[in-house]
Amino acid sequence: MATKRVSVFKSVLAADEQFALRIRREMDERGVLVLNLIGSPGAGKTSLLEGSLRRCRFRAAVVEGDIATARDAERIASCGVPVVQINTKGGCHLEANLVSKALGAFELDKIDVIFIENVGNLVCPAEFDLGEDCKVAVCSTAEGADKPLKYPHLFHECKAVVLTKKDLSPYVRFDRELFWGDVEALNGKAVKIEVDNLTGEGIDTWLEWVEECLEQKRRP
């Protein structure tokens, strides 16, 4: 009985990996960059996107993942970009088959970058391939400095770490040296960016990195 259960579970994962593979192949052919933003609830993922979408020079679209409501999608829509909401109805992460359906709603020939805002969670989303080019870890000063070592898999996997809510660091006793030291120990190649949600400081640095990733993807 146990063997059969494992077999079924592997079949489900294998099927979803095929969706991820198809997404990656199509986005590669189109030259569309796909970024998977992963962070805790309240880490500032949606705020980061809002600040980015109002200043970016590339054509963007967003896939919003949440357990319930379309509130984040409504915030993104106010920025004037295409957005699709996925409600998992209890699921703790997005899956490639769901993302594939969402991408079908976009005019992909008019898009340069697709941001996937995953369900608020530092554990499960890091385990699943959505066909993205890069995973991006989003953390906030309000969460504390210990998240990288507590949730190492995400920080091993990501290509960038964005620390949001820099403006709150004087009030929450955030240990910046500890945080970035742990990130460096886990993944010395990850790009490290800090963002001030109030002033927008750091958004341009983040966007420059996104543009570099897009240019690299489209380089012959």
N, C-alpha and C. Protein backbone atom coordinates (compact mmCIF):
# COMPACT_ATOMS: atom_id res chain seq x y z
N MET A 1 0.84 -1.21 0.00
CA MET A 1 0.00 0.00 0.00
C MET A 1 0.86 1.25 0.00
N ALA A 2 1.89 1.26 0.83
CA ALA A 2 2.77 2.44 0.91
C ALA A 2 3.44 2.70 -0.43
N THR A 3 3.87 1.64 -1.10
CA THR A 3 4.55 1.78 -2.39
C THR A 3 3.63 2.42 -3.42
N LYS A 4 2.38 2.02 -3.42
CA LYS A 4 1.42 2.58 -4.36
C LYS A 4 1.22 4.07 -4.10
N ARG A 5 1.16 4.47 -2.87
CA ARG A 5 0.98 5.89 -2.55
C ARG A 5 2.15 6.72 -3.04
N VAL A 6 3.34 6.23 -2.84
CA VAL A 6 4.53 6.93 -3.31
C VAL A 6 4.51 7.05 -4.82
N SER A 7 4.11 5.99 -5.49
CA SER A 7 4.05 5.98 -6.94
C SER A 7 3.09 7.04 -7.45
N VAL A 8 1.90 7.13 -6.84
CA VAL A 8 0.92 8.12 -7.25
C VAL A 8 1.45 9.52 -7.01
N PHE A 9 2.08 9.74 -5.86
CA PHE A 9 2.62 11.05 -5.54
C PHE A 9 3.66 11.48 -6.56
N LYS A 10 4.53 10.53 -6.93
CA LYS A 10 5.56 10.84 -7.92
C LYS A 10 4.93 11.17 -9.26
N SER A 11 3.87 10.47 -9.61
CA SER A 11 3.19 10.72 -10.87
C SER A 11 2.62 12.13 -10.92
N VAL A 12 2.05 12.57 -9.80
CA VAL A 12 1.49 13.92 -9.73
C VAL A 12 2.59 14.96 -9.91
N LEU A 13 3.71 14.79 -9.21
CA LEU A 13 4.82 15.72 -9.33
C LEU A 13 5.38 15.72 -10.75
N ALA A 14 5.51 14.54 -11.34
CA ALA A 14 6.05 14.44 -12.69
C ALA A 14 5.16 15.16 -13.68
N ALA A 15 3.85 15.04 -13.51
CA ALA A 15 2.92 15.72 -14.41
C ALA A 15 3.06 17.23 -14.31
N ASP A 16 3.22 17.73 -13.09
CA ASP A 16 3.35 19.18 -12.92
C ASP A 16 4.70 19.67 -13.45
N GLU A 17 5.71 18.85 -13.33
CA GLU A 17 7.02 19.21 -13.87
C GLU A 17 6.97 19.34 -15.39
N GLN A 18 6.10 18.58 -16.02
CA GLN A 18 5.94 18.70 -17.48
C GLN A 18 5.32 20.05 -17.84
N PHE A 19 4.38 20.51 -17.02
CA PHE A 19 3.82 21.85 -17.24
C PHE A 19 4.93 22.90 -17.10
N ALA A 20 5.77 22.75 -16.09
CA ALA A 20 6.87 23.69 -15.88
C ALA A 20 7.82 23.70 -17.06
N LEU A 21 8.11 22.53 -17.57
CA LEU A 21 9.01 22.41 -18.72
C LEU A 21 8.42 23.10 -19.95
N ARG A 22 7.12 22.92 -20.17
CA ARG A 22 6.47 23.55 -21.32
C ARG A 22 6.46 25.07 -21.18
N ILE A 23 6.20 25.55 -19.95
CA ILE A 23 6.22 27.00 -19.71
C ILE A 23 7.61 27.55 -20.02
N ARG A 24 8.64 26.88 -19.52
CA ARG A 24 10.01 27.35 -19.71
C ARG A 24 10.38 27.38 -21.19
N ARG A 25 10.02 26.35 -21.91
CA ARG A 25 10.33 26.29 -23.34
C ARG A 25 9.64 27.42 -24.10
N GLU A 26 8.36 27.64 -23.80
CA GLU A 26 7.63 28.68 -24.52
C GLU A 26 8.18 30.06 -24.19
N MET A 27 8.46 30.32 -22.91
CA MET A 27 8.98 31.63 -22.53
C MET A 27 10.39 31.86 -23.09
N ASP A 28 11.15 30.77 -23.20
CA ASP A 28 12.48 30.88 -23.82
C ASP A 28 12.34 31.26 -25.29
N GLU A 29 11.41 30.63 -25.98
CA GLU A 29 11.20 30.92 -27.39
C GLU A 29 10.73 32.35 -27.61
N ARG A 30 9.94 32.84 -26.69
CA ARG A 30 9.40 34.20 -26.81
C ARG A 30 10.33 35.25 -26.24
N GLY A 31 11.33 34.83 -25.49
CA GLY A 31 12.22 35.80 -24.85
C GLY A 31 11.56 36.54 -23.72
N VAL A 32 10.64 35.88 -23.01
CA VAL A 32 9.94 36.47 -21.88
C VAL A 32 10.59 35.99 -20.58
N LEU A 33 10.97 36.93 -19.73
CA LEU A 33 11.59 36.60 -18.45
C LEU A 33 10.49 36.32 -17.42
N VAL A 34 10.66 35.24 -16.66
CA VAL A 34 9.68 34.88 -15.63
C VAL A 34 10.38 34.84 -14.27
N LEU A 35 9.89 35.64 -13.33
CA LEU A 35 10.46 35.72 -11.99
C LEU A 35 9.42 35.26 -10.98
N ASN A 36 9.82 34.36 -10.09
CA ASN A 36 8.95 33.78 -9.07
C ASN A 36 9.29 34.41 -7.73
N LEU A 37 8.43 35.31 -7.23
CA LEU A 37 8.67 36.02 -5.97
C LEU A 37 8.10 35.21 -4.81
N ILE A 38 8.98 34.87 -3.86
CA ILE A 38 8.59 34.03 -2.74
C ILE A 38 8.91 34.74 -1.43
N GLY A 39 7.95 34.81 -0.54
CA GLY A 39 8.17 35.45 0.75
C GLY A 39 7.00 35.20 1.69
N SER A 40 7.18 35.52 2.95
CA SER A 40 6.13 35.34 3.95
C SER A 40 4.97 36.29 3.70
N PRO A 41 3.79 36.01 4.29
CA PRO A 41 2.71 36.99 4.25
C PRO A 41 3.19 38.30 4.89
N GLY A 42 2.95 39.41 4.22
CA GLY A 42 3.35 40.70 4.76
C GLY A 42 4.79 41.08 4.52
N ALA A 43 5.52 40.27 3.73
CA ALA A 43 6.93 40.58 3.48
C ALA A 43 7.10 41.79 2.58
N GLY A 44 6.06 42.15 1.86
CA GLY A 44 6.14 43.32 0.97
C GLY A 44 6.25 42.96 -0.50
N LYS A 45 5.82 41.77 -0.88
CA LYS A 45 5.91 41.34 -2.28
C LYS A 45 5.05 42.22 -3.18
N THR A 46 3.81 42.44 -2.77
CA THR A 46 2.91 43.25 -3.59
C THR A 46 3.37 44.70 -3.64
N SER A 47 3.83 45.21 -2.52
CA SER A 47 4.34 46.60 -2.50
C SER A 47 5.56 46.75 -3.39
N LEU A 48 6.43 45.73 -3.39
CA LEU A 48 7.59 45.76 -4.28
C LEU A 48 7.15 45.80 -5.73
N LEU A 49 6.14 45.01 -6.06
CA LEU A 49 5.64 45.00 -7.43
C LEU A 49 5.00 46.34 -7.80
N GLU A 50 4.23 46.90 -6.90
CA GLU A 50 3.60 48.20 -7.18
C GLU A 50 4.66 49.25 -7.49
N GLY A 51 5.69 49.32 -6.65
CA GLY A 51 6.75 50.29 -6.89
C GLY A 51 7.49 50.02 -8.19
N SER A 52 7.63 48.75 -8.53
CA SER A 52 8.36 48.38 -9.75
C SER A 52 7.54 48.70 -11.00
N LEU A 53 6.27 48.34 -10.97
CA LEU A 53 5.44 48.48 -12.17
C LEU A 53 5.20 49.94 -12.54
N ARG A 54 5.28 50.83 -11.57
CA ARG A 54 5.07 52.25 -11.86
C ARG A 54 6.34 52.92 -12.39
N ARG A 55 7.49 52.21 -12.34
CA ARG A 55 8.74 52.82 -12.76
C ARG A 55 9.47 52.04 -13.85
N CYS A 56 9.04 50.83 -14.12
CA CYS A 56 9.80 49.99 -15.06
C CYS A 56 9.65 50.48 -16.49
N ARG A 57 10.65 50.15 -17.29
CA ARG A 57 10.66 50.53 -18.71
C ARG A 57 10.32 49.35 -19.61
N PHE A 58 10.15 48.19 -19.03
CA PHE A 58 9.77 47.02 -19.81
C PHE A 58 8.28 46.76 -19.66
N ARG A 59 7.75 45.93 -20.54
CA ARG A 59 6.33 45.58 -20.51
C ARG A 59 6.15 44.39 -19.57
N ALA A 60 5.32 44.55 -18.57
CA ALA A 60 5.20 43.54 -17.53
C ALA A 60 3.77 43.02 -17.40
N ALA A 61 3.68 41.83 -16.81
CA ALA A 61 2.40 41.23 -16.42
C ALA A 61 2.64 40.49 -15.11
N VAL A 62 1.55 40.23 -14.39
CA VAL A 62 1.68 39.63 -13.05
C VAL A 62 0.68 38.48 -12.89
N VAL A 63 1.18 37.39 -12.33
CA VAL A 63 0.32 36.30 -11.86
C VAL A 63 0.31 36.37 -10.35
N GLU A 64 -0.86 36.57 -9.77
CA GLU A 64 -1.01 36.73 -8.32
C GLU A 64 -1.51 35.43 -7.70
N GLY A 65 -0.76 34.93 -6.73
CA GLY A 65 -1.18 33.72 -6.02
C GLY A 65 -1.59 34.03 -4.59
N ASP A 66 -2.77 33.62 -4.20
CA ASP A 66 -3.27 33.81 -2.85
C ASP A 66 -4.20 32.65 -2.50
N ILE A 67 -4.36 32.42 -1.22
CA ILE A 67 -5.31 31.40 -0.78
C ILE A 67 -6.74 31.86 -1.07
N ALA A 68 -7.00 33.15 -0.85
CA ALA A 68 -8.34 33.70 -1.09
C ALA A 68 -8.24 35.19 -1.39
N THR A 69 -9.31 35.75 -1.90
CA THR A 69 -9.51 37.15 -2.28
C THR A 69 -8.70 37.55 -3.51
N ALA A 70 -9.10 38.66 -4.12
CA ALA A 70 -8.39 39.22 -5.27
C ALA A 70 -7.81 40.59 -4.93
N ARG A 71 -7.60 40.86 -3.67
CA ARG A 71 -7.17 42.19 -3.26
C ARG A 71 -5.80 42.57 -3.81
N ASP A 72 -4.86 41.63 -3.80
CA ASP A 72 -3.55 41.95 -4.34
C ASP A 72 -3.63 42.18 -5.85
N ALA A 73 -4.43 41.38 -6.54
CA ALA A 73 -4.59 41.56 -7.98
C ALA A 73 -5.21 42.92 -8.29
N GLU A 74 -6.12 43.37 -7.46
CA GLU A 74 -6.73 44.69 -7.65
C GLU A 74 -5.70 45.80 -7.49
N ARG A 75 -4.80 45.63 -6.53
CA ARG A 75 -3.73 46.62 -6.35
C ARG A 75 -2.81 46.66 -7.58
N ILE A 76 -2.50 45.48 -8.09
CA ILE A 76 -1.63 45.41 -9.27
C ILE A 76 -2.33 45.99 -10.49
N ALA A 77 -3.61 45.70 -10.65
CA ALA A 77 -4.36 46.21 -11.80
C ALA A 77 -4.37 47.73 -11.84
N SER A 78 -4.35 48.36 -10.66
CA SER A 78 -4.34 49.83 -10.61
C SER A 78 -3.04 50.42 -11.17
N CYS A 79 -2.03 49.56 -11.34
CA CYS A 79 -0.76 50.02 -11.93
C CYS A 79 -0.82 49.99 -13.46
N GLY A 80 -1.92 49.48 -14.00
CA GLY A 80 -2.11 49.50 -15.45
C GLY A 80 -1.44 48.36 -16.20
N VAL A 81 -1.23 47.23 -15.52
CA VAL A 81 -0.61 46.08 -16.20
C VAL A 81 -1.56 44.89 -16.16
N PRO A 82 -1.41 43.94 -17.10
CA PRO A 82 -2.25 42.75 -17.08
C PRO A 82 -1.96 41.92 -15.83
N VAL A 83 -3.00 41.39 -15.22
CA VAL A 83 -2.82 40.58 -14.02
C VAL A 83 -3.87 39.48 -13.98
N VAL A 84 -3.48 38.30 -13.53
CA VAL A 84 -4.39 37.18 -13.34
C VAL A 84 -4.26 36.71 -11.90
N GLN A 85 -5.39 36.56 -11.24
CA GLN A 85 -5.40 36.07 -9.86
C GLN A 85 -5.62 34.56 -9.84
N ILE A 86 -4.80 33.86 -9.06
CA ILE A 86 -5.01 32.44 -8.80
C ILE A 86 -5.30 32.26 -7.31
N ASN A 87 -6.46 31.75 -6.98
CA ASN A 87 -6.80 31.44 -5.59
C ASN A 87 -6.65 29.93 -5.40
N THR A 88 -5.80 29.54 -4.47
CA THR A 88 -5.53 28.12 -4.26
C THR A 88 -6.54 27.45 -3.35
N LYS A 89 -7.37 28.25 -2.68
CA LYS A 89 -8.42 27.73 -1.79
C LYS A 89 -7.84 26.78 -0.73
N GLY A 90 -6.78 27.22 -0.12
CA GLY A 90 -6.17 26.43 0.95
C GLY A 90 -4.78 25.93 0.62
N GLY A 91 -4.45 25.84 -0.65
CA GLY A 91 -3.13 25.38 -1.06
C GLY A 91 -2.06 26.39 -0.66
N CYS A 92 -0.91 25.87 -0.20
CA CYS A 92 0.12 26.75 0.35
C CYS A 92 1.13 27.22 -0.68
N HIS A 93 0.92 26.88 -1.96
CA HIS A 93 1.86 27.28 -3.00
C HIS A 93 1.17 27.20 -4.36
N LEU A 94 1.75 27.86 -5.34
CA LEU A 94 1.28 27.73 -6.72
C LEU A 94 1.92 26.51 -7.36
N GLU A 95 1.24 25.98 -8.37
CA GLU A 95 1.77 24.86 -9.14
C GLU A 95 1.80 25.24 -10.61
N ALA A 96 2.67 24.56 -11.36
CA ALA A 96 2.90 24.94 -12.75
C ALA A 96 1.65 24.80 -13.61
N ASN A 97 0.80 23.81 -13.32
CA ASN A 97 -0.41 23.65 -14.12
C ASN A 97 -1.35 24.85 -13.97
N LEU A 98 -1.39 25.43 -12.77
CA LEU A 98 -2.22 26.61 -12.54
C LEU A 98 -1.62 27.83 -13.23
N VAL A 99 -0.30 27.96 -13.14
CA VAL A 99 0.37 29.09 -13.79
C VAL A 99 0.20 29.01 -15.30
N SER A 100 0.28 27.80 -15.84
CA SER A 100 0.12 27.61 -17.29
C SER A 100 -1.24 28.13 -17.76
N LYS A 101 -2.29 27.82 -16.99
CA LYS A 101 -3.62 28.31 -17.35
C LYS A 101 -3.69 29.83 -17.27
N ALA A 102 -3.05 30.40 -16.25
CA ALA A 102 -3.06 31.85 -16.08
C ALA A 102 -2.35 32.55 -17.24
N LEU A 103 -1.25 31.97 -17.70
CA LEU A 103 -0.49 32.59 -18.79
C LEU A 103 -1.31 32.64 -20.07
N GLY A 104 -2.26 31.74 -20.20
CA GLY A 104 -3.11 31.74 -21.39
C GLY A 104 -3.98 32.98 -21.50
N ALA A 105 -4.11 33.73 -20.43
CA ALA A 105 -4.93 34.95 -20.45
C ALA A 105 -4.15 36.17 -20.94
N PHE A 106 -2.82 36.03 -21.08
CA PHE A 106 -1.99 37.17 -21.47
C PHE A 106 -1.71 37.17 -22.98
N GLU A 107 -1.52 38.36 -23.54
CA GLU A 107 -0.99 38.50 -24.90
C GLU A 107 0.52 38.47 -24.78
N LEU A 108 1.08 37.30 -24.86
CA LEU A 108 2.49 37.10 -24.53
C LEU A 108 3.44 37.83 -25.47
N ASP A 109 2.99 38.12 -26.69
CA ASP A 109 3.86 38.86 -27.62
C ASP A 109 3.98 40.34 -27.25
N LYS A 110 3.21 40.76 -26.24
CA LYS A 110 3.27 42.15 -25.79
C LYS A 110 3.87 42.26 -24.38
N ILE A 111 4.55 41.20 -23.94
CA ILE A 111 5.07 41.16 -22.57
C ILE A 111 6.56 40.83 -22.60
N ASP A 112 7.32 41.53 -21.75
CA ASP A 112 8.75 41.27 -21.61
C ASP A 112 9.06 40.47 -20.33
N VAL A 113 8.37 40.82 -19.25
CA VAL A 113 8.65 40.21 -17.95
C VAL A 113 7.33 39.80 -17.28
N ILE A 114 7.29 38.57 -16.79
CA ILE A 114 6.15 38.11 -16.01
C ILE A 114 6.61 37.89 -14.57
N PHE A 115 5.97 38.60 -13.65
CA PHE A 115 6.22 38.39 -12.22
C PHE A 115 5.17 37.44 -11.67
N ILE A 116 5.61 36.39 -11.00
CA ILE A 116 4.69 35.49 -10.30
C ILE A 116 4.83 35.77 -8.82
N GLU A 117 3.78 36.31 -8.21
CA GLU A 117 3.80 36.49 -6.76
C GLU A 117 3.19 35.25 -6.13
N ASN A 118 4.04 34.43 -5.55
CA ASN A 118 3.59 33.16 -5.00
C ASN A 118 2.79 33.37 -3.71
N VAL A 119 2.13 32.33 -3.27
CA VAL A 119 1.39 32.37 -2.00
C VAL A 119 2.37 32.67 -0.86
N GLY A 120 1.94 33.49 0.11
CA GLY A 120 2.80 33.87 1.21
C GLY A 120 3.26 32.68 2.02
N ASN A 121 4.52 32.28 1.84
CA ASN A 121 5.03 31.07 2.48
C ASN A 121 6.52 30.96 2.12
N LEU A 122 7.36 30.66 3.08
CA LEU A 122 8.79 30.51 2.81
C LEU A 122 9.21 29.06 2.58
N VAL A 123 8.27 28.12 2.73
CA VAL A 123 8.64 26.70 2.67
C VAL A 123 8.21 26.07 1.36
N CYS A 124 6.93 25.78 1.22
CA CYS A 124 6.43 25.00 0.08
C CYS A 124 6.74 25.63 -1.29
N PRO A 125 6.54 26.94 -1.50
CA PRO A 125 6.78 27.49 -2.83
C PRO A 125 8.20 27.27 -3.34
N ALA A 126 9.16 27.18 -2.43
CA ALA A 126 10.55 26.99 -2.85
C ALA A 126 10.78 25.61 -3.46
N GLU A 127 9.89 24.66 -3.18
CA GLU A 127 10.06 23.29 -3.64
C GLU A 127 9.53 23.04 -5.04
N PHE A 128 8.68 23.95 -5.55
CA PHE A 128 7.97 23.68 -6.79
C PHE A 128 8.49 24.55 -7.94
N ASP A 129 8.76 23.90 -9.06
CA ASP A 129 9.19 24.58 -10.28
C ASP A 129 7.97 25.08 -11.03
N LEU A 130 7.94 26.38 -11.31
CA LEU A 130 6.82 26.96 -12.05
C LEU A 130 7.21 27.33 -13.49
N GLY A 131 8.39 26.88 -13.90
CA GLY A 131 8.86 27.25 -15.23
C GLY A 131 9.54 28.61 -15.24
N GLU A 132 9.88 29.12 -14.05
CA GLU A 132 10.49 30.44 -13.95
C GLU A 132 11.96 30.42 -14.33
N ASP A 133 12.49 31.59 -14.64
CA ASP A 133 13.93 31.74 -14.85
C ASP A 133 14.65 31.87 -13.52
N CYS A 134 14.04 32.58 -12.58
CA CYS A 134 14.69 32.82 -11.29
C CYS A 134 13.66 32.81 -10.16
N LYS A 135 14.08 32.29 -9.03
CA LYS A 135 13.33 32.50 -7.79
C LYS A 135 13.94 33.72 -7.09
N VAL A 136 13.07 34.55 -6.51
CA VAL A 136 13.50 35.74 -5.78
C VAL A 136 12.95 35.65 -4.36
N ALA A 137 13.84 35.66 -3.38
CA ALA A 137 13.41 35.65 -1.98
C ALA A 137 13.13 37.08 -1.53
N VAL A 138 11.93 37.31 -1.01
CA VAL A 138 11.54 38.63 -0.52
C VAL A 138 11.36 38.55 0.99
N CYS A 139 12.13 39.32 1.72
CA CYS A 139 12.05 39.36 3.19
C CYS A 139 11.88 40.80 3.63
N SER A 140 11.40 40.99 4.85
CA SER A 140 11.26 42.35 5.38
C SER A 140 12.00 42.46 6.71
N THR A 141 12.40 43.67 7.03
CA THR A 141 13.09 43.90 8.30
C THR A 141 12.18 43.55 9.48
N ALA A 142 10.86 43.72 9.29
CA ALA A 142 9.92 43.46 10.38
C ALA A 142 9.84 41.99 10.75
N GLU A 143 10.27 41.10 9.86
CA GLU A 143 10.23 39.67 10.14
C GLU A 143 11.36 39.22 11.05
N GLY A 144 12.39 40.02 11.17
CA GLY A 144 13.57 39.60 11.92
C GLY A 144 14.66 39.11 11.00
N ALA A 145 15.87 39.01 11.53
CA ALA A 145 17.05 38.71 10.71
C ALA A 145 17.35 37.22 10.60
N ASP A 146 16.56 36.37 11.23
CA ASP A 146 16.90 34.96 11.30
C ASP A 146 16.29 34.08 10.22
N LYS A 147 15.58 34.67 9.27
CA LYS A 147 14.85 33.86 8.29
C LYS A 147 15.74 33.03 7.37
N PRO A 148 16.87 33.53 6.89
CA PRO A 148 17.67 32.71 5.97
C PRO A 148 18.07 31.35 6.55
N LEU A 149 18.54 31.31 7.78
CA LEU A 149 18.96 30.04 8.36
C LEU A 149 17.78 29.16 8.76
N LYS A 150 16.64 29.78 9.05
CA LYS A 150 15.45 28.99 9.39
C LYS A 150 14.81 28.35 8.16
N TYR A 151 14.95 29.00 7.02
CA TYR A 151 14.34 28.50 5.78
C TYR A 151 15.40 28.46 4.68
N PRO A 152 16.42 27.61 4.85
CA PRO A 152 17.59 27.66 3.97
C PRO A 152 17.34 27.26 2.53
N HIS A 153 16.35 26.39 2.29
CA HIS A 153 16.16 25.89 0.92
C HIS A 153 15.89 27.04 -0.06
N LEU A 154 15.02 27.95 0.31
CA LEU A 154 14.72 29.08 -0.56
C LEU A 154 15.97 29.88 -0.87
N PHE A 155 16.78 30.13 0.14
CA PHE A 155 17.95 30.98 -0.05
C PHE A 155 19.05 30.26 -0.82
N HIS A 156 19.06 28.93 -0.77
CA HIS A 156 19.95 28.17 -1.64
C HIS A 156 19.52 28.29 -3.09
N GLU A 157 18.22 28.31 -3.33
CA GLU A 157 17.66 28.25 -4.67
C GLU A 157 17.58 29.60 -5.38
N CYS A 158 17.41 30.67 -4.66
CA CYS A 158 17.10 31.96 -5.27
C CYS A 158 18.33 32.59 -5.94
N LYS A 159 18.06 33.47 -6.89
CA LYS A 159 19.14 34.21 -7.54
C LYS A 159 19.23 35.65 -7.03
N ALA A 160 18.23 36.06 -6.26
CA ALA A 160 18.26 37.40 -5.67
C ALA A 160 17.50 37.37 -4.35
N VAL A 161 17.96 38.20 -3.41
CA VAL A 161 17.27 38.40 -2.14
C VAL A 161 16.96 39.89 -2.02
N VAL A 162 15.68 40.20 -1.87
CA VAL A 162 15.25 41.59 -1.72
C VAL A 162 14.76 41.80 -0.29
N LEU A 163 15.42 42.70 0.41
CA LEU A 163 15.03 43.03 1.79
C LEU A 163 14.18 44.30 1.75
N THR A 164 12.92 44.17 2.11
CA THR A 164 11.99 45.30 2.05
C THR A 164 11.83 45.97 3.42
N LYS A 165 11.08 47.06 3.41
CA LYS A 165 10.75 47.79 4.64
C LYS A 165 12.01 48.25 5.38
N LYS A 166 12.97 48.70 4.60
CA LYS A 166 14.21 49.22 5.17
C LYS A 166 13.94 50.37 6.12
N ASP A 167 12.86 51.11 5.84
CA ASP A 167 12.51 52.26 6.68
C ASP A 167 12.14 51.86 8.11
N LEU A 168 11.77 50.59 8.31
CA LEU A 168 11.36 50.14 9.65
C LEU A 168 12.53 49.61 10.49
N SER A 169 13.68 49.44 9.88
CA SER A 169 14.79 48.80 10.60
C SER A 169 15.19 49.49 11.90
N PRO A 170 15.09 50.83 12.02
CA PRO A 170 15.45 51.45 13.31
C PRO A 170 14.47 51.11 14.43
N TYR A 171 13.27 50.66 14.06
CA TYR A 171 12.22 50.44 15.06
C TYR A 171 12.03 48.97 15.44
N VAL A 172 12.63 48.08 14.69
CA VAL A 172 12.42 46.65 14.96
C VAL A 172 13.71 45.93 15.32
N ARG A 173 14.78 46.69 15.55
CA ARG A 173 16.07 46.13 15.97
C ARG A 173 16.53 45.04 15.00
N PHE A 174 16.46 45.35 13.74
CA PHE A 174 16.87 44.39 12.72
C PHE A 174 18.39 44.32 12.63
N ASP A 175 18.94 43.10 12.73
CA ASP A 175 20.39 42.89 12.67
C ASP A 175 20.79 42.67 11.20
N ARG A 176 21.11 43.76 10.51
CA ARG A 176 21.43 43.69 9.09
C ARG A 176 22.68 42.83 8.82
N GLU A 177 23.68 42.97 9.67
CA GLU A 177 24.91 42.21 9.47
C GLU A 177 24.66 40.70 9.57
N LEU A 178 23.84 40.30 10.54
CA LEU A 178 23.50 38.89 10.69
C LEU A 178 22.74 38.37 9.48
N PHE A 179 21.73 39.14 9.05
CA PHE A 179 20.89 38.73 7.92
C PHE A 179 21.72 38.51 6.67
N TRP A 180 22.47 39.52 6.26
CA TRP A 180 23.23 39.41 5.02
C TRP A 180 24.38 38.42 5.14
N GLY A 181 24.92 38.28 6.34
CA GLY A 181 25.97 37.29 6.56
C GLY A 181 25.45 35.88 6.35
N ASP A 182 24.24 35.61 6.84
CA ASP A 182 23.64 34.30 6.65
C ASP A 182 23.29 34.05 5.18
N VAL A 183 22.80 35.09 4.51
CA VAL A 183 22.50 34.95 3.08
C VAL A 183 23.78 34.61 2.32
N GLU A 184 24.84 35.32 2.62
CA GLU A 184 26.12 35.08 1.95
C GLU A 184 26.62 33.66 2.21
N ALA A 185 26.45 33.18 3.43
CA ALA A 185 26.91 31.83 3.76
C ALA A 185 26.11 30.76 3.02
N LEU A 186 24.83 31.02 2.80
CA LEU A 186 23.97 30.06 2.13
C LEU A 186 24.10 30.12 0.61
N ASN A 187 24.29 31.33 0.10
CA ASN A 187 24.29 31.53 -1.35
C ASN A 187 25.08 32.79 -1.69
N GLY A 188 26.38 32.62 -1.82
CA GLY A 188 27.24 33.77 -2.08
C GLY A 188 27.01 34.41 -3.43
N LYS A 189 26.33 33.72 -4.36
CA LYS A 189 26.09 34.27 -5.69
C LYS A 189 24.81 35.09 -5.78
N ALA A 190 23.96 35.02 -4.78
CA ALA A 190 22.68 35.74 -4.84
C ALA A 190 22.89 37.24 -4.82
N VAL A 191 22.15 37.94 -5.66
CA VAL A 191 22.17 39.40 -5.67
C VAL A 191 21.43 39.89 -4.43
N LYS A 192 21.98 40.90 -3.78
CA LYS A 192 21.43 41.40 -2.52
C LYS A 192 20.97 42.85 -2.70
N ILE A 193 19.69 43.07 -2.44
CA ILE A 193 19.08 44.39 -2.68
C ILE A 193 18.24 44.79 -1.48
N GLU A 194 18.33 46.05 -1.07
CA GLU A 194 17.49 46.58 0.00
C GLU A 194 16.57 47.66 -0.57
N VAL A 195 15.33 47.65 -0.09
CA VAL A 195 14.33 48.57 -0.61
C VAL A 195 13.64 49.31 0.53
N ASP A 196 13.48 50.60 0.39
CA ASP A 196 12.70 51.43 1.31
C ASP A 196 11.32 51.62 0.69
N ASN A 197 10.30 51.02 1.30
CA ASN A 197 8.96 51.06 0.72
C ASN A 197 8.37 52.47 0.67
N LEU A 198 8.77 53.33 1.58
CA LEU A 198 8.20 54.68 1.62
C LEU A 198 8.80 55.60 0.58
N THR A 199 10.12 55.60 0.47
CA THR A 199 10.78 56.54 -0.44
C THR A 199 11.03 55.95 -1.82
N GLY A 200 10.96 54.62 -1.93
CA GLY A 200 11.27 53.98 -3.20
C GLY A 200 12.76 53.73 -3.40
N GLU A 201 13.56 54.05 -2.39
CA GLU A 201 15.00 53.80 -2.48
C GLU A 201 15.24 52.30 -2.70
N GLY A 202 16.08 51.99 -3.66
CA GLY A 202 16.40 50.61 -3.96
C GLY A 202 15.58 50.02 -5.10
N ILE A 203 14.46 50.61 -5.45
CA ILE A 203 13.63 50.09 -6.54
C ILE A 203 14.39 50.12 -7.86
N ASP A 204 15.11 51.22 -8.12
CA ASP A 204 15.86 51.31 -9.37
C ASP A 204 16.94 50.24 -9.44
N THR A 205 17.59 49.96 -8.32
CA THR A 205 18.61 48.91 -8.30
C THR A 205 17.99 47.55 -8.62
N TRP A 206 16.83 47.29 -8.03
CA TRP A 206 16.09 46.05 -8.30
C TRP A 206 15.71 45.96 -9.77
N LEU A 207 15.19 47.07 -10.33
CA LEU A 207 14.77 47.06 -11.73
C LEU A 207 15.95 46.89 -12.67
N GLU A 208 17.08 47.46 -12.31
CA GLU A 208 18.28 47.29 -13.13
C GLU A 208 18.67 45.81 -13.19
N TRP A 209 18.53 45.11 -12.05
CA TRP A 209 18.85 43.69 -12.05
C TRP A 209 17.87 42.92 -12.93
N VAL A 210 16.58 43.26 -12.84
CA VAL A 210 15.58 42.59 -13.68
C VAL A 210 15.90 42.82 -15.16
N GLU A 211 16.25 44.05 -15.50
CA GLU A 211 16.58 44.38 -16.89
C GLU A 211 17.81 43.61 -17.37
N GLU A 212 18.77 43.44 -16.48
CA GLU A 212 19.97 42.67 -16.83
C GLU A 212 19.61 41.21 -17.10
N CYS A 213 18.72 40.66 -16.29
CA CYS A 213 18.27 39.28 -16.49
C CYS A 213 17.54 39.14 -17.83
N LEU A 214 16.72 40.12 -18.16
CA LEU A 214 15.98 40.11 -19.43
C LEU A 214 16.95 40.20 -20.60
N GLU A 215 17.91 41.10 -20.49
CA GLU A 215 18.90 41.26 -21.57
C GLU A 215 19.71 39.99 -21.75
N GLN A 216 20.09 39.37 -20.65
CA GLN A 216 20.85 38.14 -20.72
C GLN A 216 20.05 37.03 -21.36
N LYS A 217 18.78 36.96 -21.06
CA LYS A 217 17.93 35.91 -21.62
C LYS A 217 17.79 36.08 -23.14
N ARG A 218 17.73 37.32 -23.59
CA ARG A 218 17.52 37.58 -25.01
C ARG A 218 18.82 37.69 -25.80
N ARG A 219 19.94 37.56 -25.11
CA ARG A 219 21.23 37.67 -25.80
C ARG A 219 21.43 36.45 -26.70
N PRO A 220 21.81 36.66 -27.96
CA PRO A 220 22.01 35.52 -28.88
C PRO A 220 23.10 34.58 -28.36
